[in-house]
């Protein structure tokens, strides 16, 4: 792939996460010369201090819940050793940056460590060095939002939580999105006293609220406190502890504060304004080819302003789409598949496709199942859990949402039926392992 003006690279990526490396590696194999600029750790958030780290810390929680459900069948009570859990997490993820960096190196991708910024539409400056490219992809991801209140520097973010070598006894979590609910689950299971201070009266607002309420009720039964409409106004040092000031004149004293009020796009200080790339508070604005307002500049991953979920699988899909676009394998607009979402609480909440609310507005068929009624869920004594299946007029599955210990596996199982619009003939050709969660899941259709 020869570029027109003898640039250093055909494609230069700003950032090295899933919005980059999943597509950059095959792009080189198509003949392109590729460079990557990374200001932090190779691989970005997900492998280093996001999904991979989180699910490793959660594994003992899921195990302890299963033992709890089988109490009497299995004797004994499990406790989570926090220090060893974090050490295990570090062991699991420590090799990932090197592995990803090795993959980039193995195909000849040049990696520049440092903060990159646009000099012009074809030039990125890294530590005073100019790197030019025919096309540039902005893939700088998201970072934790920090509350703009007095004492905000006294709070911590998700990355710091996952590196705690000792678990604080009393923890305040500000916010009630993915990170808040997942870390409240983990910290509570590991023995901390957790208080979640909510911005409004609803948690996980993009999920089906009756199922969210089940998760909240379970956490409350386990001792997690939820303060709705908290209106947090300040963090104040109080000796060795910290006060969270909220409400009209209320105060909560804790040992540690997690600011889990969301994540915001990394769009500042990279020269977007200088070259005319348009963005807003939700991220970089792109068209249906992931092209920004500047013709040769594209964006990929969580930094994009989009309606699709800002999740790793979305970034992977966008990155591989750009590979196909740049290598001439397609000129079509991006066509997103059905992208699922999950919150790794216990029980988990997962969803994909048409929401229950939209289904009711559209007059689609909505079917609900109380999962403990299924014999397979009784194998490990699941006592809570429901799902909602949504069908079109031809009985194609178009949406599903579930709350259960197996919700993530269930949604993964059903994705092909939604993406490829399986009808009775296709479903009749599926022979699944029995007994299994997949068998139980397909049986509902």
Protein backbone atom coordinates (compact mmCIF):
# COMPACT_ATOMS: atom_id res chain seq x y z
CA UNK A 1 0.00 0.00 0.00
CA UNK A 2 1.83 3.10 -1.23
CA UNK A 3 0.75 6.48 0.07
CA UNK A 4 0.55 9.45 -2.21
CA UNK A 5 2.94 11.91 -0.60
CA UNK A 6 5.65 9.71 0.87
CA UNK A 7 4.45 9.94 4.45
CA UNK A 8 6.21 7.96 7.17
CA UNK A 9 3.15 5.73 7.51
CA UNK A 10 0.05 4.74 5.63
CA UNK A 11 -1.89 4.70 8.89
CA UNK A 12 -0.89 6.09 12.29
CA UNK A 13 -2.98 5.26 15.35
CA UNK A 14 -3.22 7.53 18.39
CA UNK A 15 -3.69 5.00 21.20
CA UNK A 16 -2.97 1.27 21.39
CA UNK A 17 -6.15 -0.28 22.82
CA UNK A 18 -8.66 -2.58 21.21
CA UNK A 19 -9.74 0.27 18.95
CA UNK A 20 -6.27 -0.03 17.43
CA UNK A 21 -4.46 -3.34 17.66
CA UNK A 22 -7.23 -5.72 16.56
CA UNK A 23 -7.32 -3.97 13.18
CA UNK A 24 -3.77 -2.63 12.93
CA UNK A 25 -2.17 -6.09 12.93
CA UNK A 26 -4.15 -7.48 9.96
CA UNK A 27 -3.83 -4.10 8.21
CA UNK A 28 -0.04 -4.57 8.10
CA UNK A 29 -0.57 -8.02 6.64
CA UNK A 30 -2.43 -6.36 3.75
CA UNK A 31 0.70 -4.36 2.91
CA UNK A 32 0.25 -1.13 4.87
CA UNK A 33 2.97 0.56 6.89
CA UNK A 34 1.54 1.26 10.35
CA UNK A 35 2.62 3.17 13.45
CA UNK A 36 1.10 3.44 16.92
CA UNK A 37 1.50 6.22 19.50
CA UNK A 38 0.77 5.31 23.14
CA UNK A 39 1.01 7.61 26.17
CA UNK A 40 0.33 4.93 28.78
CA UNK A 41 0.32 1.11 28.74
CA UNK A 42 0.26 -0.92 25.53
CA UNK A 43 -3.20 -2.43 25.07
CA UNK A 44 -5.11 0.43 26.65
CA UNK A 45 -7.66 0.24 29.46
CA UNK A 46 -9.31 -3.15 29.00
CA UNK A 47 -6.35 -5.52 29.36
CA UNK A 48 -4.46 -3.46 31.93
CA UNK A 49 -6.96 -1.89 34.31
CA UNK A 50 -10.42 -2.64 32.94
CA UNK A 51 -12.24 -5.79 31.89
CA UNK A 52 -9.47 -8.36 32.39
CA UNK A 53 -8.49 -7.08 35.83
CA UNK A 54 -12.10 -6.69 36.95
CA UNK A 55 -13.24 -10.17 35.95
CA UNK A 56 -10.22 -11.70 37.70
CA UNK A 57 -11.10 -9.90 40.95
CA UNK A 58 -14.71 -11.04 40.53
CA UNK A 59 -13.94 -14.76 40.07
CA UNK A 60 -13.78 -15.51 43.82
CA UNK A 61 -17.06 -13.62 44.28
CA UNK A 62 -18.84 -15.84 41.75
CA UNK A 63 -17.35 -18.93 43.40
CA UNK A 64 -18.40 -17.85 46.89
CA UNK A 65 -21.94 -17.20 45.64
CA UNK A 66 -22.16 -20.73 44.23
CA UNK A 67 -20.92 -22.25 47.47
CA UNK A 68 -23.46 -20.11 49.31
CA UNK A 69 -26.28 -21.42 47.09
CA UNK A 70 -25.17 -25.02 47.70
CA UNK A 71 -24.85 -24.60 51.47
CA UNK A 72 -25.64 -27.92 53.10
CA UNK A 73 -24.65 -29.80 49.98
CA UNK A 74 -21.23 -28.19 50.25
CA UNK A 75 -20.06 -27.65 53.81
CA UNK A 76 -17.92 -24.70 54.85
CA UNK A 77 -17.83 -20.99 54.24
CA UNK A 78 -15.46 -19.25 51.85
CA UNK A 79 -13.76 -15.95 52.61
CA UNK A 80 -11.91 -13.85 50.06
CA UNK A 81 -8.29 -13.03 50.81
CA UNK A 82 -8.15 -9.55 49.31
CA UNK A 83 -4.37 -9.20 49.13
CA UNK A 84 -4.01 -12.56 47.40
CA UNK A 85 -6.92 -11.76 45.08
CA UNK A 86 -5.20 -8.57 43.92
CA UNK A 87 -1.88 -10.40 43.61
CA UNK A 88 -3.59 -13.06 41.47
CA UNK A 89 -5.10 -10.30 39.32
CA UNK A 90 -1.65 -8.83 38.80
CA UNK A 91 -0.28 -12.23 37.83
CA UNK A 92 -3.07 -12.71 35.28
CA UNK A 93 -2.70 -9.34 33.55
CA UNK A 94 0.99 -8.53 33.95
CA UNK A 95 1.97 -10.25 30.72
CA UNK A 96 -0.70 -8.68 28.55
CA UNK A 97 1.06 -5.41 27.55
CA UNK A 98 4.14 -7.37 26.56
CA UNK A 99 2.07 -9.90 24.64
CA UNK A 100 0.18 -7.20 22.73
CA UNK A 101 3.37 -5.23 22.17
CA UNK A 102 4.98 -8.42 20.90
CA UNK A 103 2.17 -8.93 18.41
CA UNK A 104 2.59 -5.37 17.13
CA UNK A 105 6.34 -5.82 16.87
CA UNK A 106 6.04 -9.19 15.16
CA UNK A 107 4.34 -7.67 12.12
CA UNK A 108 6.58 -4.62 11.98
CA UNK A 109 4.37 -1.97 13.59
CA UNK A 110 6.41 0.91 15.04
CA UNK A 111 5.31 1.87 18.56
CA UNK A 112 6.13 5.32 19.94
CA UNK A 113 5.79 5.81 23.68
CA UNK A 114 4.71 9.31 24.61
CA UNK A 115 1.89 11.83 24.41
CA UNK A 116 0.95 12.39 20.77
CA UNK A 117 -0.64 15.59 19.45
CA UNK A 118 -1.69 16.78 16.00
CA UNK A 119 0.61 19.27 14.33
CA UNK A 120 -1.48 19.20 11.16
CA UNK A 121 -3.92 16.76 9.57
CA UNK A 122 -1.12 14.40 8.56
CA UNK A 123 1.38 14.95 11.37
CA UNK A 124 1.53 13.75 14.98
CA UNK A 125 4.21 15.13 17.29
CA UNK A 126 5.51 12.70 19.96
CA UNK A 127 8.09 14.00 22.40
CA UNK A 128 9.21 16.63 19.89
CA UNK A 129 9.43 14.17 16.98
CA UNK A 130 7.14 14.50 13.97
CA UNK A 131 5.50 11.38 12.55
CA UNK A 132 3.51 11.73 9.35
CA UNK A 133 0.79 9.52 7.90
CA UNK A 134 -1.66 9.39 5.04
CA UNK A 135 -4.45 8.46 7.47
CA UNK A 136 -4.60 8.96 11.23
CA UNK A 137 -6.95 7.13 13.60
CA UNK A 138 -7.87 8.71 16.94
CA UNK A 139 -8.27 5.83 19.39
CA UNK A 140 -7.54 7.48 22.71
CA UNK A 141 -10.41 5.93 24.68
CA UNK A 142 -11.96 7.13 27.91
CA UNK A 143 -10.69 8.04 31.35
CA UNK A 144 -12.41 8.24 34.75
CA UNK A 145 -14.55 11.33 35.32
CA UNK A 146 -13.77 13.24 38.50
CA UNK A 147 -16.36 15.24 40.41
CA UNK A 148 -15.83 18.98 40.30
CA UNK A 149 -16.32 19.55 44.02
CA UNK A 150 -14.12 20.63 46.95
CA UNK A 151 -11.80 17.81 47.98
CA UNK A 152 -12.12 15.86 44.72
CA UNK A 153 -8.40 14.99 44.98
CA UNK A 154 -9.21 12.90 48.08
CA UNK A 155 -11.19 10.40 46.01
CA UNK A 156 -9.82 7.54 43.93
CA UNK A 157 -10.68 5.94 40.59
CA UNK A 158 -11.32 2.38 39.42
CA UNK A 159 -7.69 1.78 38.52
CA UNK A 160 -6.62 2.62 42.07
CA UNK A 161 -9.35 0.40 43.54
CA UNK A 162 -8.07 -2.62 41.62
CA UNK A 163 -4.55 -2.00 42.91
CA UNK A 164 -5.47 -1.77 46.60
CA UNK A 165 -3.22 -4.17 48.49
CA UNK A 166 -5.37 -3.79 51.60
CA UNK A 167 -9.14 -3.44 51.42
CA UNK A 168 -10.43 -0.43 53.42
CA UNK A 169 -13.06 -1.29 56.00
CA UNK A 170 -15.53 1.48 55.08
CA UNK A 171 -15.87 2.52 51.45
CA UNK A 172 -18.04 5.18 49.83
CA UNK A 173 -18.76 4.71 46.12
CA UNK A 174 -20.03 7.77 44.28
CA UNK A 175 -22.23 6.94 41.30
CA UNK A 176 -24.33 3.92 40.32
CA UNK A 177 -23.19 2.83 36.87
CA UNK A 178 -21.24 -0.25 35.78
CA UNK A 179 -18.10 0.44 37.81
CA UNK A 180 -19.96 1.41 40.96
CA UNK A 181 -22.22 -1.64 40.99
CA UNK A 182 -19.49 -4.11 40.07
CA UNK A 183 -17.00 -2.80 42.61
CA UNK A 184 -19.69 -2.55 45.30
CA UNK A 185 -20.34 -6.25 44.70
CA UNK A 186 -16.64 -7.17 44.91
CA UNK A 187 -15.82 -5.00 47.93
CA UNK A 188 -18.87 -6.18 49.86
CA UNK A 189 -18.10 -9.84 49.14
CA UNK A 190 -14.54 -9.28 50.36
CA UNK A 191 -15.76 -7.87 53.68
CA UNK A 192 -15.93 -4.09 53.30
CA UNK A 193 -18.80 -1.91 54.49
CA UNK A 194 -19.99 -0.25 51.30
CA UNK A 195 -22.22 2.77 50.79
CA UNK A 196 -23.28 3.74 47.26
CA UNK A 197 -24.26 7.40 46.86
CA UNK A 198 -26.46 7.67 43.76
CA UNK A 199 -26.80 10.74 41.56
CA UNK A 200 -30.52 10.06 40.97
CA UNK A 201 -33.03 7.48 42.14
CA UNK A 202 -32.04 4.89 39.53
CA UNK A 203 -28.92 2.77 39.07
CA UNK A 204 -27.73 1.35 35.73
CA UNK A 205 -30.20 3.51 33.87
CA UNK A 206 -29.67 1.83 30.49
CA UNK A 207 -30.75 -1.54 31.88
CA UNK A 208 -34.25 -2.92 32.53
CA UNK A 209 -35.10 -1.40 35.89
CA UNK A 210 -37.08 -4.30 37.42
CA UNK A 211 -33.94 -6.41 36.98
CA UNK A 212 -31.69 -3.67 38.34
CA UNK A 213 -33.91 -3.51 41.42
CA UNK A 214 -33.34 -7.24 41.98
CA UNK A 215 -29.58 -6.68 42.06
CA UNK A 216 -29.92 -3.71 44.40
CA UNK A 217 -32.21 -5.67 46.73
CA UNK A 218 -29.70 -8.53 46.87
CA UNK A 219 -26.82 -6.15 47.64
CA UNK A 220 -28.90 -4.45 50.33
CA UNK A 221 -29.60 -7.86 51.91
CA UNK A 222 -25.82 -8.32 52.00
CA UNK A 223 -25.29 -5.01 53.79
CA UNK A 224 -24.61 -2.53 50.99
CA UNK A 225 -26.31 0.81 51.67
CA UNK A 226 -27.74 2.90 48.84
CA UNK A 227 -28.41 6.63 49.20
CA UNK A 228 -30.58 7.92 46.35
CA UNK A 229 -30.38 11.48 45.02
CA UNK A 230 -27.36 11.97 47.26
CA UNK A 231 -26.17 15.26 45.74
CA UNK A 232 -22.59 14.82 46.92
CA UNK A 233 -21.08 18.26 47.54
CA UNK A 234 -17.61 17.79 49.07
CA UNK A 235 -14.95 15.41 50.36
CA UNK A 236 -13.20 16.48 53.55
CA UNK A 237 -10.26 14.91 55.38
CA UNK A 238 -11.22 13.86 58.90
CA UNK A 239 -8.09 12.60 60.67
CA UNK A 240 -7.23 9.24 59.11
CA UNK A 241 -10.68 9.13 57.52
CA UNK A 242 -12.75 11.16 55.08
CA UNK A 243 -16.16 12.79 55.21
CA UNK A 244 -18.48 12.66 52.24
CA UNK A 245 -20.79 15.65 52.48
CA UNK A 246 -24.11 15.16 50.71
CA UNK A 247 -27.78 16.08 50.76
CA UNK A 248 -28.90 19.13 52.68
CA UNK A 249 -26.46 18.77 55.56
CA UNK A 250 -25.58 15.08 55.75
CA UNK A 251 -22.18 13.49 56.25
CA UNK A 252 -20.75 9.99 55.83
CA UNK A 253 -17.38 9.13 57.36
CA UNK A 254 -15.36 6.45 55.55
CA UNK A 255 -11.83 5.15 55.07
CA UNK A 256 -11.75 5.37 51.28
CA UNK A 257 -13.74 7.06 48.49
CA UNK A 258 -14.23 5.69 44.99
CA UNK A 259 -15.36 8.26 42.43
CA UNK A 260 -17.28 6.10 39.97
CA UNK A 261 -19.23 8.92 38.32
CA UNK A 262 -18.54 7.73 34.79
CA UNK A 263 -15.88 7.89 32.11
CA UNK A 264 -15.15 10.71 29.68
CA UNK A 265 -13.42 10.79 26.28
CA UNK A 266 -9.74 11.65 25.95
CA UNK A 267 -10.16 14.50 23.46
CA UNK A 268 -8.27 17.31 25.16
CA UNK A 269 -4.66 18.32 24.54
CA UNK A 270 -4.17 16.18 21.45
CA UNK A 271 -4.59 18.99 18.93
CA UNK A 272 -8.06 18.15 17.60
CA UNK A 273 -9.02 21.83 17.57
CA UNK A 274 -5.84 22.75 15.69
CA UNK A 275 -6.72 20.49 12.76
CA UNK A 276 -10.50 20.97 12.87
CA UNK A 277 -11.66 17.59 14.15
CA UNK A 278 -15.09 18.14 15.68
CA UNK A 279 -15.97 16.62 19.04
CA UNK A 280 -18.28 17.19 22.01
CA UNK A 281 -18.59 16.03 25.62
CA UNK A 282 -19.44 12.52 24.39
CA UNK A 283 -16.43 12.15 22.11
CA UNK A 284 -15.22 12.55 18.55
CA UNK A 285 -17.96 13.00 15.96
CA UNK A 286 -17.77 10.54 13.06
CA UNK A 287 -19.85 9.59 10.03
CA UNK A 288 -20.98 6.11 9.01
CA UNK A 289 -17.45 5.30 7.81
CA UNK A 290 -15.93 6.37 11.17
CA UNK A 291 -14.52 9.40 9.36
CA UNK A 292 -14.21 12.62 11.33
CA UNK A 293 -14.82 16.15 10.05
CA UNK A 294 -11.29 16.00 8.56
CA UNK A 295 -11.16 13.73 5.53
CA UNK A 296 -8.07 11.67 6.33
CA UNK A 297 -8.67 11.41 10.10
CA UNK A 298 -10.82 8.63 11.54
CA UNK A 299 -11.75 7.50 15.04
CA UNK A 300 -12.23 4.12 16.66
CA UNK A 301 -13.26 2.75 20.04
CA UNK A 302 -14.65 4.43 23.13
CA UNK A 303 -13.51 7.95 22.15
CA UNK A 304 -16.29 8.09 19.52
CA UNK A 305 -19.58 9.87 20.21
CA UNK A 306 -22.00 7.03 19.39
CA UNK A 307 -25.21 5.31 20.36
CA UNK A 308 -23.52 1.90 20.34
CA UNK A 309 -22.29 0.66 23.74
CA UNK A 310 -18.79 1.90 24.55
CA UNK A 311 -17.42 -1.56 25.18
CA UNK A 312 -14.41 -3.61 24.12
CA UNK A 313 -16.33 -5.71 21.55
CA UNK A 314 -17.55 -2.50 19.87
CA UNK A 315 -13.99 -1.17 19.67
CA UNK A 316 -12.77 -4.48 18.22
CA UNK A 317 -15.49 -4.37 15.55
CA UNK A 318 -14.67 -0.76 14.65
CA UNK A 319 -10.96 -1.45 14.48
CA UNK A 320 -11.39 -4.43 12.18
CA UNK A 321 -13.87 -2.45 10.07
CA UNK A 322 -11.25 0.28 9.53
CA UNK A 323 -8.73 -2.39 8.54
CA UNK A 324 -11.11 -3.58 5.82
CA UNK A 325 -11.87 0.00 4.75
CA UNK A 326 -8.22 1.06 4.54
CA UNK A 327 -7.13 -2.14 2.77
CA UNK A 328 -9.85 -1.87 0.14
CA UNK A 329 -11.81 -4.90 1.31
CA UNK A 330 -14.90 -2.73 1.69
CA UNK A 331 -16.15 0.74 0.87
CA UNK A 332 -19.47 0.23 2.65
CA UNK A 333 -20.58 2.11 5.74
CA UNK A 334 -20.06 0.31 9.01
CA UNK A 335 -22.93 -2.00 9.87
CA UNK A 336 -22.86 -2.79 13.56
CA UNK A 337 -23.97 -6.25 14.66
CA UNK A 338 -26.09 -6.86 17.75
CA UNK A 339 -23.77 -5.76 20.56
CA UNK A 340 -24.51 -7.12 24.04
CA UNK A 341 -23.87 -5.44 27.39
CA UNK A 342 -23.34 -6.99 30.80
CA UNK A 343 -22.83 -5.77 34.35
CA UNK A 344 -20.73 -8.22 36.34
CA UNK A 345 -22.64 -7.93 39.57
CA UNK A 346 -23.85 -11.11 41.23
CA UNK A 347 -26.40 -11.88 39.89
CA UNK A 348 -25.30 -10.40 36.58
CA UNK A 349 -27.50 -8.28 34.32
CA UNK A 350 -27.05 -8.64 30.58
CA UNK A 351 -28.93 -7.49 27.49
CA UNK A 352 -28.81 -7.37 23.71
CA UNK A 353 -31.03 -6.12 20.92
CA UNK A 354 -34.40 -4.40 21.36
CA UNK A 355 -35.10 -3.22 24.91
CA UNK A 356 -38.21 -4.19 26.84
CA UNK A 357 -39.36 -0.56 26.82
CA UNK A 358 -39.01 -0.24 23.04
CA UNK A 359 -40.64 -3.63 22.50
CA UNK A 360 -43.72 -2.53 24.40
CA UNK A 361 -43.92 0.69 22.36
CA UNK A 362 -43.56 -1.25 19.10
CA UNK A 363 -46.10 -3.90 20.00
CA UNK A 364 -43.60 -6.77 19.80
CA UNK A 365 -44.15 -10.08 21.57
CA UNK A 366 -42.62 -10.04 25.05
CA UNK A 367 -42.08 -13.35 26.87
CA UNK A 368 -40.83 -13.58 30.46
CA UNK A 369 -39.40 -16.58 32.29
CA UNK A 370 -38.73 -17.07 35.99
CA UNK A 371 -35.47 -18.93 35.75
CA UNK A 372 -35.50 -20.94 39.00
CA UNK A 373 -38.46 -22.81 37.45
CA UNK A 374 -36.06 -24.33 34.90
CA UNK A 375 -34.69 -27.67 36.16
CA UNK A 376 -31.17 -26.82 34.98
CA UNK A 377 -31.06 -23.71 37.16
CA UNK A 378 -31.94 -25.92 40.12
CA UNK A 379 -28.69 -27.89 39.68
CA UNK A 380 -26.78 -25.26 41.67
CA UNK A 381 -29.81 -23.92 43.53
CA UNK A 382 -30.33 -20.65 41.65
CA UNK A 383 -33.15 -19.05 43.62
CA UNK A 384 -33.38 -15.76 41.78
CA UNK A 385 -33.33 -14.71 38.17
CA UNK A 386 -35.64 -13.74 35.33
CA UNK A 387 -35.35 -13.13 31.65
CA UNK A 388 -37.36 -11.33 29.01
CA UNK A 389 -37.31 -12.49 25.38
CA UNK A 390 -38.59 -10.23 22.61
CA UNK A 391 -39.83 -11.58 19.27
CA UNK A 392 -40.97 -9.95 16.04
CA UNK A 393 -44.16 -10.98 14.22
CA UNK A 394 -42.33 -13.88 12.55
CA UNK A 395 -41.06 -15.11 15.93
CA UNK A 396 -37.48 -14.09 15.27
CA UNK A 397 -35.67 -13.24 18.49
CA UNK A 398 -34.86 -9.51 18.38
CA UNK A 399 -34.06 -8.73 22.01
CA UNK A 400 -33.24 -10.32 25.35
CA UNK A 401 -32.43 -9.14 28.84
CA UNK A 402 -31.68 -11.31 31.85
CA UNK A 403 -30.76 -11.09 35.50
CA UNK A 404 -29.12 -14.26 36.82
CA UNK A 405 -25.80 -15.81 37.73
CA UNK A 406 -25.55 -17.03 34.12
CA UNK A 407 -26.85 -13.93 32.32
CA UNK A 408 -23.62 -13.27 30.40
CA UNK A 409 -23.47 -16.84 29.07
CA UNK A 410 -27.15 -16.78 28.13
CA UNK A 411 -26.85 -13.60 26.06
CA UNK A 412 -23.75 -14.95 24.31
CA UNK A 413 -25.65 -18.14 23.50
CA UNK A 414 -28.56 -16.26 21.94
CA UNK A 415 -26.58 -13.71 19.91
CA UNK A 416 -26.48 -15.82 16.69
CA UNK A 417 -30.26 -16.17 16.73
CA UNK A 418 -30.61 -12.38 16.87
CA UNK A 419 -27.82 -11.43 14.48
CA UNK A 420 -28.76 -13.96 11.79
CA UNK A 421 -32.53 -13.96 12.42
CA UNK A 422 -32.86 -17.68 12.97
CA UNK A 423 -36.31 -19.06 12.25
CA UNK A 424 -37.81 -22.45 13.12
CA UNK A 425 -35.79 -24.23 10.42
CA UNK A 426 -32.44 -22.87 11.64
CA UNK A 427 -33.27 -23.47 15.30
CA UNK A 428 -34.25 -27.03 14.43
CA UNK A 429 -30.76 -27.66 13.06
CA UNK A 430 -29.03 -26.76 16.33
CA UNK A 431 -27.93 -29.73 18.40
CA UNK A 432 -26.36 -28.48 21.62
CA UNK A 433 -24.48 -30.18 24.40
CA UNK A 434 -26.82 -31.50 27.07
CA UNK A 435 -27.12 -30.70 29.89
CA UNK A 436 -25.71 -27.20 29.64
CA UNK A 437 -26.73 -23.58 30.03
CA UNK A 438 -26.88 -23.31 26.23
CA UNK A 439 -29.29 -26.23 26.04
CA UNK A 440 -31.50 -24.68 28.70
CA UNK A 441 -31.35 -21.31 26.96
CA UNK A 442 -32.19 -22.49 23.43
CA UNK A 443 -35.05 -24.47 24.91
CA UNK A 444 -36.83 -21.22 25.78
CA UNK A 445 -37.15 -20.33 22.09
